[in-house]
Amino acid sequence: TYEDYIGLRESVGWINFSEEQTKKALQNSLYTVIAV
């Protein structure tokens, strides 16, 4: 999800992209994996 993605980036000190860019990028991903 968008929320998980930006939260994980923040957890390691990475700068997030704009919400619009991020949501589009996530939609265009071929394959994603999350660890829960």
Full PDB file with SEQRES, HELIX, SHEET, SSBOND, CRYST1, ORIGX, SCALE, CONECT and MASTER records, all heavy atoms in Angstrom:
SEQRES   1 A   36  THR TYR GLU ASP TYR ILE GLY LEU ARG GLU SER VAL GLY          
SEQRES   2 A   36  TRP ILE ASN PHE SER GLU GLU GLN THR LYS LYS ALA LEU          
SEQRES   3 A   36  GLN ASN SER LEU TYR THR VAL ILE ALA VAL                      
HELIX    1 AA1 TYR A    2  SER A   11  1                                  10    
HELIX    2 AA2 GLU A   19  GLN A   27  1                                   9    
CRYST1    1.000    1.000    1.000  90.00  90.00  90.00 P 1           1          
ORIGX1      1.000000  0.000000  0.000000        0.00000                         
ORIGX2      0.000000  1.000000  0.000000        0.00000                         
ORIGX3      0.000000  0.000000  1.000000        0.00000                         
SCALE1      1.000000  0.000000  0.000000        0.00000                         
SCALE2      0.000000  1.000000  0.000000        0.00000                         
SCALE3      0.000000  0.000000  1.000000        0.00000                         
ATOM      1  N   THR A   1       0.833  -1.201   0.000  1.00  0.00           N  
ATOM      2  CA  THR A   1       0.000   0.000   0.000  1.00  0.00           C  
ATOM      3  C   THR A   1       0.867   1.249   0.000  1.00  0.00           C  
ATOM      4  O   THR A   1       2.050   1.214   0.381  1.00  0.00           O  
ATOM      5  CB  THR A   1      -0.922   0.058   1.230  1.00  0.00           C  
ATOM      6  OG1 THR A   1      -0.105   0.222   2.408  1.00  0.00           O  
ATOM      7  CG2 THR A   1      -1.781  -1.197   1.349  1.00  0.00           C  
ATOM      8  N   TYR A   2       0.265   2.338  -0.374  1.00  0.00           N  
ATOM      9  CA  TYR A   2       0.936   3.638  -0.350  1.00  0.00           C  
ATOM     10  C   TYR A   2       1.436   3.948   1.062  1.00  0.00           C  
ATOM     11  O   TYR A   2       2.590   4.344   1.257  1.00  0.00           O  
ATOM     12  CB  TYR A   2      -0.028   4.732  -0.840  1.00  0.00           C  
ATOM     13  CG  TYR A   2       0.467   6.129  -0.596  1.00  0.00           C  
ATOM     14  CD1 TYR A   2       1.454   6.688  -1.403  1.00  0.00           C  
ATOM     15  CD2 TYR A   2      -0.048   6.886   0.450  1.00  0.00           C  
ATOM     16  CE1 TYR A   2       1.921   7.976  -1.170  1.00  0.00           C  
ATOM     17  CE2 TYR A   2       0.418   8.179   0.683  1.00  0.00           C  
ATOM     18  CZ  TYR A   2       1.394   8.712  -0.127  1.00  0.00           C  
ATOM     19  OH  TYR A   2       1.857   9.988   0.111  1.00  0.00           O  
ATOM     20  N   GLU A   3       0.578   3.751   2.059  1.00  0.00           N  
ATOM     21  CA  GLU A   3       0.940   4.063   3.445  1.00  0.00           C  
ATOM     22  C   GLU A   3       2.118   3.222   3.927  1.00  0.00           C  
ATOM     23  O   GLU A   3       3.035   3.741   4.587  1.00  0.00           O  
ATOM     24  CB  GLU A   3      -0.272   3.862   4.361  1.00  0.00           C  
ATOM     25  CG  GLU A   3      -1.394   4.849   4.130  1.00  0.00           C  
ATOM     26  CD  GLU A   3      -2.257   4.568   2.893  1.00  0.00           C  
ATOM     27  OE1 GLU A   3      -2.217   3.435   2.360  1.00  0.00           O  
ATOM     28  OE2 GLU A   3      -2.962   5.499   2.457  1.00  0.00           O  
ATOM     29  N   ASP A   4       2.100   1.925   3.608  1.00  0.00           N  
ATOM     30  CA  ASP A   4       3.222   1.068   4.006  1.00  0.00           C  
ATOM     31  C   ASP A   4       4.512   1.489   3.302  1.00  0.00           C  
ATOM     32  O   ASP A   4       5.581   1.532   3.910  1.00  0.00           O  
ATOM     33  CB  ASP A   4       2.918  -0.398   3.699  1.00  0.00           C  
ATOM     34  CG  ASP A   4       1.910  -1.001   4.655  1.00  0.00           C  
ATOM     35  OD1 ASP A   4       1.719  -0.466   5.767  1.00  0.00           O  
ATOM     36  OD2 ASP A   4       1.301  -2.030   4.288  1.00  0.00           O  
ATOM     37  N   TYR A   5       4.383   1.809   2.026  1.00  0.00           N  
ATOM     38  CA  TYR A   5       5.557   2.188   1.243  1.00  0.00           C  
ATOM     39  C   TYR A   5       6.229   3.441   1.811  1.00  0.00           C  
ATOM     40  O   TYR A   5       7.436   3.438   2.068  1.00  0.00           O  
ATOM     41  CB  TYR A   5       5.159   2.396  -0.216  1.00  0.00           C  
ATOM     42  CG  TYR A   5       6.319   2.739  -1.125  1.00  0.00           C  
ATOM     43  CD1 TYR A   5       7.220   1.769  -1.527  1.00  0.00           C  
ATOM     44  CD2 TYR A   5       6.506   4.037  -1.578  1.00  0.00           C  
ATOM     45  CE1 TYR A   5       8.289   2.077  -2.356  1.00  0.00           C  
ATOM     46  CE2 TYR A   5       7.569   4.357  -2.399  1.00  0.00           C  
ATOM     47  CZ  TYR A   5       8.450   3.377  -2.793  1.00  0.00           C  
ATOM     48  OH  TYR A   5       9.508   3.688  -3.605  1.00  0.00           O  
ATOM     49  N   ILE A   6       5.446   4.495   2.021  1.00  0.00           N  
ATOM     50  CA  ILE A   6       6.069   5.733   2.524  1.00  0.00           C  
ATOM     51  C   ILE A   6       6.578   5.555   3.950  1.00  0.00           C  
ATOM     52  O   ILE A   6       7.619   6.105   4.314  1.00  0.00           O  
ATOM     53  CB  ILE A   6       5.139   6.963   2.388  1.00  0.00           C  
ATOM     54  CG1 ILE A   6       3.877   6.804   3.221  1.00  0.00           C  
ATOM     55  CG2 ILE A   6       4.825   7.253   0.936  1.00  0.00           C  
ATOM     56  CD1 ILE A   6       3.065   8.085   3.343  1.00  0.00           C  
ATOM     57  N   GLY A   7       5.870   4.766   4.747  1.00  0.00           N  
ATOM     58  CA  GLY A   7       6.321   4.508   6.115  1.00  0.00           C  
ATOM     59  C   GLY A   7       7.630   3.754   6.160  1.00  0.00           C  
ATOM     60  O   GLY A   7       8.516   4.068   6.970  1.00  0.00           O  
ATOM     61  N   LEU A   8       7.787   2.762   5.299  1.00  0.00           N  
ATOM     62  CA  LEU A   8       9.036   2.001   5.255  1.00  0.00           C  
ATOM     63  C   LEU A   8      10.188   2.869   4.770  1.00  0.00           C  
ATOM     64  O   LEU A   8      11.291   2.811   5.319  1.00  0.00           O  
ATOM     65  CB  LEU A   8       8.876   0.757   4.378  1.00  0.00           C  
ATOM     66  CG  LEU A   8       8.055  -0.359   5.005  1.00  0.00           C  
ATOM     67  CD1 LEU A   8       7.661  -1.398   3.963  1.00  0.00           C  
ATOM     68  CD2 LEU A   8       8.816  -1.009   6.144  1.00  0.00           C  
ATOM     69  N   ARG A   9       9.946   3.685   3.751  1.00  0.00           N  
ATOM     70  CA  ARG A   9      11.001   4.597   3.275  1.00  0.00           C  
ATOM     71  C   ARG A   9      11.438   5.531   4.403  1.00  0.00           C  
ATOM     72  O   ARG A   9      12.636   5.737   4.610  1.00  0.00           O  
ATOM     73  CB  ARG A   9      10.530   5.391   2.056  1.00  0.00           C  
ATOM     74  CG  ARG A   9      10.463   4.560   0.783  1.00  0.00           C  
ATOM     75  CD  ARG A   9      10.060   5.409  -0.409  1.00  0.00           C  
ATOM     76  NE  ARG A   9      11.062   6.422  -0.719  1.00  0.00           N  
ATOM     77  CZ  ARG A   9      12.096   6.253  -1.560  1.00  0.00           C  
ATOM     78  NH1 ARG A   9      12.252   5.094  -2.190  1.00  0.00           N  
ATOM     79  NH2 ARG A   9      12.944   7.233  -1.790  1.00  0.00           N  
ATOM     80  N   GLU A  10      10.475   6.076   5.125  1.00  0.00           N  
ATOM     81  CA  GLU A  10      10.811   6.969   6.239  1.00  0.00           C  
ATOM     82  C   GLU A  10      11.592   6.240   7.330  1.00  0.00           C  
ATOM     83  O   GLU A  10      12.497   6.811   7.946  1.00  0.00           O  
ATOM     84  CB  GLU A  10       9.535   7.583   6.813  1.00  0.00           C  
ATOM     85  CG  GLU A  10       8.905   8.608   5.896  1.00  0.00           C  
ATOM     86  CD  GLU A  10       7.527   9.070   6.338  1.00  0.00           C  
ATOM     87  OE1 GLU A  10       7.014   8.587   7.383  1.00  0.00           O  
ATOM     88  OE2 GLU A  10       6.947   9.916   5.635  1.00  0.00           O  
ATOM     89  N   SER A  11      11.274   4.969   7.560  1.00  0.00           N  
ATOM     90  CA  SER A  11      11.935   4.215   8.633  1.00  0.00           C  
ATOM     91  C   SER A  11      13.433   4.065   8.415  1.00  0.00           C  
ATOM     92  O   SER A  11      14.180   3.898   9.369  1.00  0.00           O  
ATOM     93  CB  SER A  11      11.278   2.837   8.812  1.00  0.00           C  
ATOM     94  OG  SER A  11      11.713   1.917   7.832  1.00  0.00           O  
ATOM     95  N   VAL A  12      13.864   4.095   7.139  1.00  0.00           N  
ATOM     96  CA  VAL A  12      15.293   3.966   6.840  1.00  0.00           C  
ATOM     97  C   VAL A  12      15.921   5.297   6.413  1.00  0.00           C  
ATOM     98  O   VAL A  12      17.055   5.333   5.941  1.00  0.00           O  
ATOM     99  CB  VAL A  12      15.558   2.866   5.778  1.00  0.00           C  
ATOM    100  CG1 VAL A  12      15.193   1.494   6.331  1.00  0.00           C  
ATOM    101  CG2 VAL A  12      14.832   3.160   4.472  1.00  0.00           C  
ATOM    102  N   GLY A  13      15.162   6.396   6.563  1.00  0.00           N  
ATOM    103  CA  GLY A  13      15.710   7.715   6.279  1.00  0.00           C  
ATOM    104  C   GLY A  13      15.725   8.104   4.815  1.00  0.00           C  
ATOM    105  O   GLY A  13      16.455   9.022   4.428  1.00  0.00           O  
ATOM    106  N   TRP A  14      14.924   7.431   3.981  1.00  0.00           N  
ATOM    107  CA  TRP A  14      14.863   7.783   2.562  1.00  0.00           C  
ATOM    108  C   TRP A  14      13.818   8.872   2.356  1.00  0.00           C  
ATOM    109  O   TRP A  14      12.765   8.874   2.996  1.00  0.00           O  
ATOM    110  CB  TRP A  14      14.503   6.579   1.704  1.00  0.00           C  
ATOM    111  CG  TRP A  14      15.559   5.519   1.630  1.00  0.00           C  
ATOM    112  CD1 TRP A  14      16.779   5.508   2.235  1.00  0.00           C  
ATOM    113  CD2 TRP A  14      15.463   4.292   0.914  1.00  0.00           C  
ATOM    114  NE1 TRP A  14      17.449   4.353   1.935  1.00  0.00           N  
ATOM    115  CE2 TRP A  14      16.662   3.582   1.124  1.00  0.00           C  
ATOM    116  CE3 TRP A  14      14.484   3.718   0.121  1.00  0.00           C  
ATOM    117  CZ2 TRP A  14      16.903   2.342   0.552  1.00  0.00           C  
ATOM    118  CZ3 TRP A  14      14.728   2.479  -0.447  1.00  0.00           C  
ATOM    119  CH2 TRP A  14      15.933   1.801  -0.231  1.00  0.00           C  
ATOM    120  N   ILE A  15      14.081   9.763   1.442  1.00  0.00           N  
ATOM    121  CA  ILE A  15      13.147  10.827   1.101  1.00  0.00           C  
ATOM    122  C   ILE A  15      12.028  10.241   0.243  1.00  0.00           C  
ATOM    123  O   ILE A  15      12.289   9.470  -0.689  1.00  0.00           O  
ATOM    124  CB  ILE A  15      13.873  11.951   0.337  1.00  0.00           C  
ATOM    125  CG1 ILE A  15      14.969  12.561   1.203  1.00  0.00           C  
ATOM    126  CG2 ILE A  15      12.884  13.019  -0.139  1.00  0.00           C  
ATOM    127  CD1 ILE A  15      15.910  13.482   0.453  1.00  0.00           C  
ATOM    128  N   ASN A  16      10.795  10.603   0.556  1.00  0.00           N  
ATOM    129  CA  ASN A  16       9.662  10.130  -0.236  1.00  0.00           C  
ATOM    130  C   ASN A  16       9.455  11.020  -1.456  1.00  0.00           C  
ATOM    131  O   ASN A  16       9.851  12.178  -1.480  1.00  0.00           O  
ATOM    132  CB  ASN A  16       8.387  10.092   0.612  1.00  0.00           C  
ATOM    133  CG  ASN A  16       8.296   8.817   1.402  1.00  0.00           C  
ATOM    134  OD1 ASN A  16       8.387   7.728   0.852  1.00  0.00           O  
ATOM    135  ND2 ASN A  16       8.127   8.938   2.708  1.00  0.00           N  
ATOM    136  N   PHE A  17       8.835  10.448  -2.460  1.00  0.00           N  
ATOM    137  CA  PHE A  17       8.433  11.173  -3.653  1.00  0.00           C  
ATOM    138  C   PHE A  17       7.042  11.749  -3.397  1.00  0.00           C  
ATOM    139  O   PHE A  17       6.418  11.472  -2.378  1.00  0.00           O  
ATOM    140  CB  PHE A  17       8.413  10.213  -4.856  1.00  0.00           C  
ATOM    141  CG  PHE A  17       9.780   9.723  -5.240  1.00  0.00           C  
ATOM    142  CD1 PHE A  17      10.332   8.598  -4.639  1.00  0.00           C  
ATOM    143  CD2 PHE A  17      10.521  10.384  -6.201  1.00  0.00           C  
ATOM    144  CE1 PHE A  17      11.585   8.137  -4.983  1.00  0.00           C  
ATOM    145  CE2 PHE A  17      11.785   9.937  -6.564  1.00  0.00           C  
ATOM    146  CZ  PHE A  17      12.322   8.816  -5.952  1.00  0.00           C  
ATOM    147  N   SER A  18       6.527  12.512  -4.340  1.00  0.00           N  
ATOM    148  CA  SER A  18       5.189  13.069  -4.168  1.00  0.00           C  
ATOM    149  C   SER A  18       4.168  11.941  -4.099  1.00  0.00           C  
ATOM    150  O   SER A  18       4.398  10.831  -4.604  1.00  0.00           O  
ATOM    151  CB  SER A  18       4.838  14.011  -5.323  1.00  0.00           C  
ATOM    152  OG  SER A  18       4.554  13.276  -6.498  1.00  0.00           O  
ATOM    153  N   GLU A  19       3.028  12.221  -3.491  1.00  0.00           N  
ATOM    154  CA  GLU A  19       1.969  11.207  -3.385  1.00  0.00           C  
ATOM    155  C   GLU A  19       1.519  10.756  -4.766  1.00  0.00           C  
ATOM    156  O   GLU A  19       1.334   9.555  -5.005  1.00  0.00           O  
ATOM    157  CB  GLU A  19       0.792  11.773  -2.593  1.00  0.00           C  
ATOM    158  CG  GLU A  19      -0.329  10.758  -2.396  1.00  0.00           C  
ATOM    159  CD  GLU A  19      -1.458  11.279  -1.516  1.00  0.00           C  
ATOM    160  OE1 GLU A  19      -1.278  12.311  -0.847  1.00  0.00           O  
ATOM    161  OE2 GLU A  19      -2.509  10.628  -1.504  1.00  0.00           O  
ATOM    162  N   GLU A  20       1.364  11.689  -5.687  1.00  0.00           N  
ATOM    163  CA  GLU A  20       0.921  11.356  -7.048  1.00  0.00           C  
ATOM    164  C   GLU A  20       1.913  10.412  -7.730  1.00  0.00           C  
ATOM    165  O   GLU A  20       1.522   9.390  -8.302  1.00  0.00           O  
ATOM    166  CB  GLU A  20       0.772  12.638  -7.872  1.00  0.00           C  
ATOM    167  CG  GLU A  20       0.371  12.410  -9.307  1.00  0.00           C  
ATOM    168  CD  GLU A  20       0.319  13.697 -10.122  1.00  0.00           C  
ATOM    169  OE1 GLU A  20       0.459  14.795  -9.550  1.00  0.00           O  
ATOM    170  OE2 GLU A  20       0.150  13.592 -11.341  1.00  0.00           O  
ATOM    171  N   GLN A  21       3.206  10.739  -7.655  1.00  0.00           N  
ATOM    172  CA  GLN A  21       4.237   9.889  -8.255  1.00  0.00           C  
ATOM    173  C   GLN A  21       4.246   8.505  -7.621  1.00  0.00           C  
ATOM    174  O   GLN A  21       4.343   7.492  -8.309  1.00  0.00           O  
ATOM    175  CB  GLN A  21       5.624  10.495  -8.068  1.00  0.00           C  
ATOM    176  CG  GLN A  21       5.954  11.648  -8.935  1.00  0.00           C  
ATOM    177  CD  GLN A  21       7.338  12.162  -8.586  1.00  0.00           C  
ATOM    178  OE1 GLN A  21       7.541  12.702  -7.479  1.00  0.00           O  
ATOM    179  NE2 GLN A  21       8.279  12.011  -9.478  1.00  0.00           N  
ATOM    180  N   THR A  22       4.189   8.489  -6.306  1.00  0.00           N  
ATOM    181  CA  THR A  22       4.288   7.222  -5.584  1.00  0.00           C  
ATOM    182  C   THR A  22       3.127   6.300  -5.921  1.00  0.00           C  
ATOM    183  O   THR A  22       3.327   5.114  -6.201  1.00  0.00           O  
ATOM    184  CB  THR A  22       4.361   7.481  -4.071  1.00  0.00           C  
ATOM    185  OG1 THR A  22       5.483   8.325  -3.809  1.00  0.00           O  
ATOM    186  CG2 THR A  22       4.498   6.192  -3.292  1.00  0.00           C  
ATOM    187  N   LYS A  23       1.919   6.823  -5.910  1.00  0.00           N  
ATOM    188  CA  LYS A  23       0.759   5.986  -6.221  1.00  0.00           C  
ATOM    189  C   LYS A  23       0.825   5.452  -7.651  1.00  0.00           C  
ATOM    190  O   LYS A  23       0.518   4.286  -7.896  1.00  0.00           O  
ATOM    191  CB  LYS A  23      -0.531   6.751  -5.970  1.00  0.00           C  
ATOM    192  CG  LYS A  23      -0.818   6.922  -4.489  1.00  0.00           C  
ATOM    193  CD  LYS A  23      -2.109   7.666  -4.239  1.00  0.00           C  
ATOM    194  CE  LYS A  23      -2.405   7.711  -2.733  1.00  0.00           C  
ATOM    195  NZ  LYS A  23      -3.639   8.447  -2.442  1.00  0.00           N  
ATOM    196  N   LYS A  24       1.267   6.278  -8.582  1.00  0.00           N  
ATOM    197  CA  LYS A  24       1.405   5.832  -9.974  1.00  0.00           C  
ATOM    198  C   LYS A  24       2.488   4.754 -10.077  1.00  0.00           C  
ATOM    199  O   LYS A  24       2.310   3.739 -10.753  1.00  0.00           O  
ATOM    200  CB  LYS A  24       1.740   7.007 -10.886  1.00  0.00           C  
ATOM    201  CG  LYS A  24       1.818   6.634 -12.344  1.00  0.00           C  
ATOM    202  CD  LYS A  24       2.053   7.856 -13.211  1.00  0.00           C  
ATOM    203  CE  LYS A  24       2.082   7.465 -14.680  1.00  0.00           C  
ATOM    204  NZ  LYS A  24       2.305   8.641 -15.542  1.00  0.00           N  
ATOM    205  N   ALA A  25       3.602   4.969  -9.403  1.00  0.00           N  
ATOM    206  CA  ALA A  25       4.696   3.998  -9.433  1.00  0.00           C  
ATOM    207  C   ALA A  25       4.260   2.652  -8.857  1.00  0.00           C  
ATOM    208  O   ALA A  25       4.566   1.595  -9.412  1.00  0.00           O  
ATOM    209  CB  ALA A  25       5.906   4.529  -8.673  1.00  0.00           C  
ATOM    210  N   LEU A  26       3.521   2.693  -7.757  1.00  0.00           N  
ATOM    211  CA  LEU A  26       3.057   1.442  -7.151  1.00  0.00           C  
ATOM    212  C   LEU A  26       2.091   0.716  -8.082  1.00  0.00           C  
ATOM    213  O   LEU A  26       2.142  -0.507  -8.211  1.00  0.00           O  
ATOM    214  CB  LEU A  26       2.423   1.709  -5.791  1.00  0.00           C  
ATOM    215  CG  LEU A  26       3.382   2.205  -4.703  1.00  0.00           C  
ATOM    216  CD1 LEU A  26       2.626   2.530  -3.428  1.00  0.00           C  
ATOM    217  CD2 LEU A  26       4.498   1.208  -4.445  1.00  0.00           C  
ATOM    218  N   GLN A  27       1.228   1.458  -8.763  1.00  0.00           N  
ATOM    219  CA  GLN A  27       0.299   0.842  -9.717  1.00  0.00           C  
ATOM    220  C   GLN A  27       1.045   0.210 -10.892  1.00  0.00           C  
ATOM    221  O   GLN A  27       0.595  -0.797 -11.442  1.00  0.00           O  
ATOM    222  CB  GLN A  27      -0.687   1.877 -10.265  1.00  0.00           C  
ATOM    223  CG  GLN A  27      -1.706   2.345  -9.274  1.00  0.00           C  
ATOM    224  CD  GLN A  27      -2.539   3.521  -9.795  1.00  0.00           C  
ATOM    225  OE1 GLN A  27      -2.265   4.079 -10.848  1.00  0.00           O  
ATOM    226  NE2 GLN A  27      -3.555   3.894  -9.034  1.00  0.00           N  
ATOM    227  N   ASN A  28       2.169   0.798 -11.275  1.00  0.00           N  
ATOM    228  CA  ASN A  28       2.930   0.312 -12.423  1.00  0.00           C  
ATOM    229  C   ASN A  28       3.974  -0.738 -12.065  1.00  0.00           C  
ATOM    230  O   ASN A  28       4.714  -1.193 -12.941  1.00  0.00           O  
ATOM    231  CB  ASN A  28       3.597   1.485 -13.146  1.00  0.00           C  
ATOM    232  CG  ASN A  28       2.590   2.345 -13.867  1.00  0.00           C  
ATOM    233  OD1 ASN A  28       1.565   1.861 -14.334  1.00  0.00           O  
ATOM    234  ND2 ASN A  28       2.860   3.630 -13.951  1.00  0.00           N  
ATOM    235  N   SER A  29       4.049  -1.131 -10.814  1.00  0.00           N  
ATOM    236  CA  SER A  29       4.987  -2.179 -10.412  1.00  0.00           C  
ATOM    237  C   SER A  29       4.561  -3.506 -11.030  1.00  0.00           C  
ATOM    238  O   SER A  29       3.372  -3.811 -11.123  1.00  0.00           O  
ATOM    239  CB  SER A  29       5.006  -2.319  -8.887  1.00  0.00           C  
ATOM    240  OG  SER A  29       5.443  -1.126  -8.284  1.00  0.00           O  
ATOM    241  N   LEU A  30       5.526  -4.293 -11.453  1.00  0.00           N  
ATOM    242  CA  LEU A  30       5.230  -5.633 -11.958  1.00  0.00           C  
ATOM    243  C   LEU A  30       4.875  -6.583 -10.824  1.00  0.00           C  
ATOM    244  O   LEU A  30       3.999  -7.431 -10.964  1.00  0.00           O  
ATOM    245  CB  LEU A  30       6.450  -6.216 -12.680  1.00  0.00           C  
ATOM    246  CG  LEU A  30       6.773  -5.726 -14.063  1.00  0.00           C  
ATOM    247  CD1 LEU A  30       8.041  -6.413 -14.556  1.00  0.00           C  
ATOM    248  CD2 LEU A  30       5.625  -5.992 -15.008  1.00  0.00           C  
ATOM    249  N   TYR A  31       5.598  -6.437  -9.737  1.00  0.00           N  
ATOM    250  CA  TYR A  31       5.494  -7.419  -8.654  1.00  0.00           C  
ATOM    251  C   TYR A  31       5.981  -6.766  -7.377  1.00  0.00           C  
ATOM    252  O   TYR A  31       7.010  -6.080  -7.374  1.00  0.00           O  
ATOM    253  CB  TYR A  31       6.361  -8.630  -9.009  1.00  0.00           C  
ATOM    254  CG  TYR A  31       6.398  -9.733  -8.004  1.00  0.00           C  
ATOM    255  CD1 TYR A  31       5.271 -10.508  -7.731  1.00  0.00           C  
ATOM    256  CD2 TYR A  31       7.572 -10.039  -7.337  1.00  0.00           C  
ATOM    257  CE1 TYR A  31       5.319 -11.543  -6.811  1.00  0.00           C  
ATOM    258  CE2 TYR A  31       7.634 -11.085  -6.422  1.00  0.00           C  
ATOM    259  CZ  TYR A  31       6.501 -11.828  -6.163  1.00  0.00           C  
ATOM    260  OH  TYR A  31       6.548 -12.849  -5.263  1.00  0.00           O  
ATOM    261  N   THR A  32       5.238  -6.948  -6.300  1.00  0.00           N  
ATOM    262  CA  THR A  32       5.666  -6.440  -4.994  1.00  0.00           C  
ATOM    263  C   THR A  32       5.518  -7.548  -3.953  1.00  0.00           C  
ATOM    264  O   THR A  32       4.699  -8.458  -4.102  1.00  0.00           O  
ATOM    265  CB  THR A  32       4.852  -5.213  -4.541  1.00  0.00           C  
ATOM    266  OG1 THR A  32       3.482  -5.574  -4.386  1.00  0.00           O  
ATOM    267  CG2 THR A  32       4.991  -4.061  -5.528  1.00  0.00           C  
ATOM    268  N   VAL A  33       6.312  -7.440  -2.925  1.00  0.00           N  
ATOM    269  CA  VAL A  33       6.289  -8.383  -1.803  1.00  0.00           C  
ATOM    270  C   VAL A  33       6.319  -7.562  -0.523  1.00  0.00           C  
ATOM    271  O   VAL A  33       7.067  -6.577  -0.432  1.00  0.00           O  
ATOM    272  CB  VAL A  33       7.524  -9.310  -1.829  1.00  0.00           C  
ATOM    273  CG1 VAL A  33       7.544 -10.216  -0.616  1.00  0.00           C  
ATOM    274  CG2 VAL A  33       7.568 -10.124  -3.107  1.00  0.00           C  
ATOM    275  N   ILE A  34       5.514  -7.950   0.457  1.00  0.00           N  
ATOM    276  CA  ILE A  34       5.626  -7.346   1.774  1.00  0.00           C  
ATOM    277  C   ILE A  34       5.879  -8.440   2.800  1.00  0.00           C  
ATOM    278  O   ILE A  34       5.464  -9.588   2.617  1.00  0.00           O  
ATOM    279  CB  ILE A  34       4.380  -6.512   2.173  1.00  0.00           C  
ATOM    280  CG1 ILE A  34       3.112  -7.368   2.215  1.00  0.00           C  
ATOM    281  CG2 ILE A  34       4.228  -5.316   1.256  1.00  0.00           C  
ATOM    282  CD1 ILE A  34       1.896  -6.645   2.809  1.00  0.00           C  
ATOM    283  N   ALA A  35       6.568  -8.060   3.866  1.00  0.00           N  
ATOM    284  CA  ALA A  35       6.784  -8.936   5.012  1.00  0.00           C  
ATOM    285  C   ALA A  35       5.954  -8.369   6.153  1.00  0.00           C  
ATOM    286  O   ALA A  35       6.034  -7.178   6.451  1.00  0.00           O  
ATOM    287  CB  ALA A  35       8.260  -8.973   5.394  1.00  0.00           C  
ATOM    288  N   VAL A  36       5.144  -9.230   6.776  1.00  0.00           N  
ATOM    289  CA  VAL A  36       4.218  -8.798   7.819  1.00  0.00           C  
ATOM    290  C   VAL A  36       4.512  -9.562   9.103  1.00  0.00           C  
ATOM    291  O   VAL A  36       4.628 -10.790   9.090  1.00  0.00           O  
ATOM    292  CB  VAL A  36       2.752  -9.025   7.377  1.00  0.00           C  
ATOM    293  CG1 VAL A  36       1.785  -8.573   8.458  1.00  0.00           C  
ATOM    294  CG2 VAL A  36       2.466  -8.312   6.064  1.00  0.00           C  
TER     295      VAL A  36                                                      
MASTER        0    0    0    2    0    0    0    6  294    1    0    3          
END                                                                             
